[in-house]
Amino acid sequence: AAQFGGLLNKGGKVVSISGTPTIEALTAKNDVPLIVRGIMFATRNRAAEKAATKAGGAWEYIFMSPNGEDLAEIGKYLESGDIFPIIDTEAPSLDEFKLAADKLYSGRSKGKCVIKVV
């Protein structure tokens, strides 16, 4: 995640919905027990936060659930162009899934590895 700092424009923002939340996201989420907040604070992704700051941007985490309401919210940001996915590899069909899987499991992908299913 820290390597995304180099992709930021000055004033840009990396928004994550996976991994360890930022302290700001934990503070905003009142129903997280104090002990859990402490553990998450201790294990947060400082390298990503530092890389974003160095690039003149910000690193933000938002709590999301796999439900229609939260997914619709992400959809609005995608449609408006406020956020966009970084796609590293796209396998053109399910028959060629190995292309995306190999890239993903190599640990060298710089974004999402997608298998196009139509």
Protein backbone atom coordinates (compact mmCIF):
# COMPACT_ATOMS: atom_id res chain seq x y z
CA ALA A 1 0.00 0.00 0.00
CA ALA A 2 2.86 2.39 0.68
CA GLN A 3 3.86 2.34 -3.01
CA PHE A 4 0.62 4.14 -3.93
CA GLY A 5 2.06 7.37 -2.54
CA GLY A 6 4.00 7.71 -5.78
CA LEU A 7 0.76 7.62 -7.78
CA LEU A 8 -0.78 10.57 -5.97
CA ASN A 9 -1.05 14.05 -7.38
CA LYS A 10 -0.42 16.82 -4.89
CA GLY A 11 -3.59 17.19 -2.86
CA GLY A 12 -4.78 13.72 -3.89
CA LYS A 13 -6.07 11.02 -1.60
CA VAL A 14 -5.75 7.25 -1.36
CA VAL A 15 -8.95 5.80 0.09
CA SER A 16 -8.80 2.27 1.48
CA ILE A 17 -11.63 -0.01 2.54
CA SER A 18 -9.38 -2.89 3.52
CA GLY A 19 -6.42 -3.36 5.80
CA THR A 20 -5.88 -1.57 9.07
CA PRO A 21 -7.92 1.63 9.56
CA THR A 22 -6.35 5.01 10.15
CA ILE A 23 -6.65 6.56 13.60
CA GLU A 24 -9.08 9.13 12.16
CA ALA A 25 -11.41 6.38 10.93
CA LEU A 26 -11.26 4.65 14.31
CA THR A 27 -11.97 7.88 16.16
CA ALA A 28 -15.01 8.56 13.97
CA LYS A 29 -16.36 5.05 14.59
CA ASN A 30 -17.70 5.31 18.14
CA ASP A 31 -18.80 1.69 18.53
CA VAL A 32 -15.28 0.24 18.36
CA PRO A 33 -14.14 -0.84 21.86
CA LEU A 34 -11.15 1.03 23.30
CA ILE A 35 -8.94 -2.09 23.42
CA VAL A 36 -9.63 -2.80 19.73
CA ARG A 37 -8.86 0.83 18.85
CA GLY A 38 -5.54 0.51 20.70
CA ILE A 39 -4.55 -2.64 18.83
CA MET A 40 -5.57 -1.18 15.46
CA PHE A 41 -3.70 2.05 16.22
CA ALA A 42 -0.55 0.09 17.03
CA THR A 43 -0.77 -1.92 13.79
CA ARG A 44 -1.92 0.82 11.42
CA ASN A 45 -0.21 1.29 8.07
CA ARG A 46 2.23 4.07 8.96
CA ALA A 47 4.27 3.49 5.79
CA ALA A 48 1.25 4.21 3.58
CA GLU A 49 0.28 7.27 5.61
CA LYS A 50 3.86 8.60 5.41
CA ALA A 51 4.12 7.94 1.64
CA ALA A 52 0.85 9.78 0.99
CA THR A 53 1.96 12.74 3.12
CA LYS A 54 5.35 12.84 1.38
CA ALA A 55 3.54 12.97 -2.00
CA GLY A 56 1.49 15.95 -0.79
CA GLY A 57 -1.66 13.90 -0.41
CA ALA A 58 -3.53 11.94 2.21
CA TRP A 59 -4.30 8.35 3.17
CA GLU A 60 -7.84 7.69 4.37
CA TYR A 61 -9.70 4.60 5.49
CA ILE A 62 -13.48 4.20 5.46
CA PHE A 63 -15.47 1.45 7.08
CA MET A 64 -17.62 -0.29 4.49
CA SER A 65 -19.90 -3.30 4.56
CA PRO A 66 -20.71 -5.53 1.60
CA ASN A 67 -24.28 -4.27 1.38
CA GLY A 68 -26.24 -2.43 -1.30
CA GLU A 69 -26.11 0.95 0.43
CA ASP A 70 -22.33 1.03 0.88
CA LEU A 71 -21.65 -0.42 -2.57
CA ALA A 72 -23.97 2.21 -4.13
CA GLU A 73 -21.94 4.90 -2.37
CA ILE A 74 -18.73 3.58 -3.92
CA GLY A 75 -20.53 3.44 -7.29
CA LYS A 76 -21.34 7.17 -7.08
CA TYR A 77 -17.69 8.02 -6.51
CA LEU A 78 -16.64 5.81 -9.42
CA GLU A 79 -19.22 7.32 -11.79
CA SER A 80 -18.25 10.88 -10.90
CA GLY A 81 -14.54 10.11 -11.37
CA ASP A 82 -13.73 11.10 -7.79
CA ILE A 83 -12.14 7.68 -7.31
CA PHE A 84 -10.85 5.12 -9.75
CA PRO A 85 -9.43 1.65 -9.43
CA ILE A 86 -5.84 0.91 -10.31
CA ILE A 87 -5.87 -2.18 -12.51
CA ASP A 88 -2.55 -3.94 -12.97
CA THR A 89 -3.55 -6.98 -15.02
CA GLU A 90 -6.72 -7.94 -16.84
CA ALA A 91 -7.24 -11.49 -18.08
CA PRO A 92 -9.44 -11.21 -21.18
CA SER A 93 -11.52 -14.28 -20.31
CA LEU A 94 -12.15 -16.87 -17.65
CA ASP A 95 -10.16 -19.35 -19.76
CA GLU A 96 -7.08 -17.16 -19.28
CA PHE A 97 -7.48 -16.60 -15.51
CA LYS A 98 -3.93 -17.86 -14.94
CA LEU A 99 -2.55 -14.57 -16.30
CA ALA A 100 -4.21 -12.54 -13.52
CA ALA A 101 -3.67 -15.19 -10.85
CA ASP A 102 0.06 -15.48 -11.60
CA LYS A 103 0.50 -11.73 -11.32
CA LEU A 104 -1.48 -11.58 -8.08
CA TYR A 105 0.37 -14.46 -6.41
CA SER A 106 3.76 -13.16 -7.56
CA GLY A 107 3.39 -10.31 -5.07
CA ARG A 108 4.39 -7.84 -7.77
CA SER A 109 1.02 -6.40 -8.75
CA LYS A 110 0.63 -2.64 -8.38
CA GLY A 111 -3.15 -2.75 -8.43
CA LYS A 112 -6.08 -5.06 -8.93
CA CYS A 113 -5.76 -8.22 -11.00
CA VAL A 114 -9.03 -8.66 -12.87
CA ILE A 115 -10.58 -11.57 -14.73
CA LYS A 116 -13.05 -10.31 -17.33
CA VAL A 117 -16.18 -12.47 -17.36
CA VAL A 118 -18.81 -11.74 -20.01
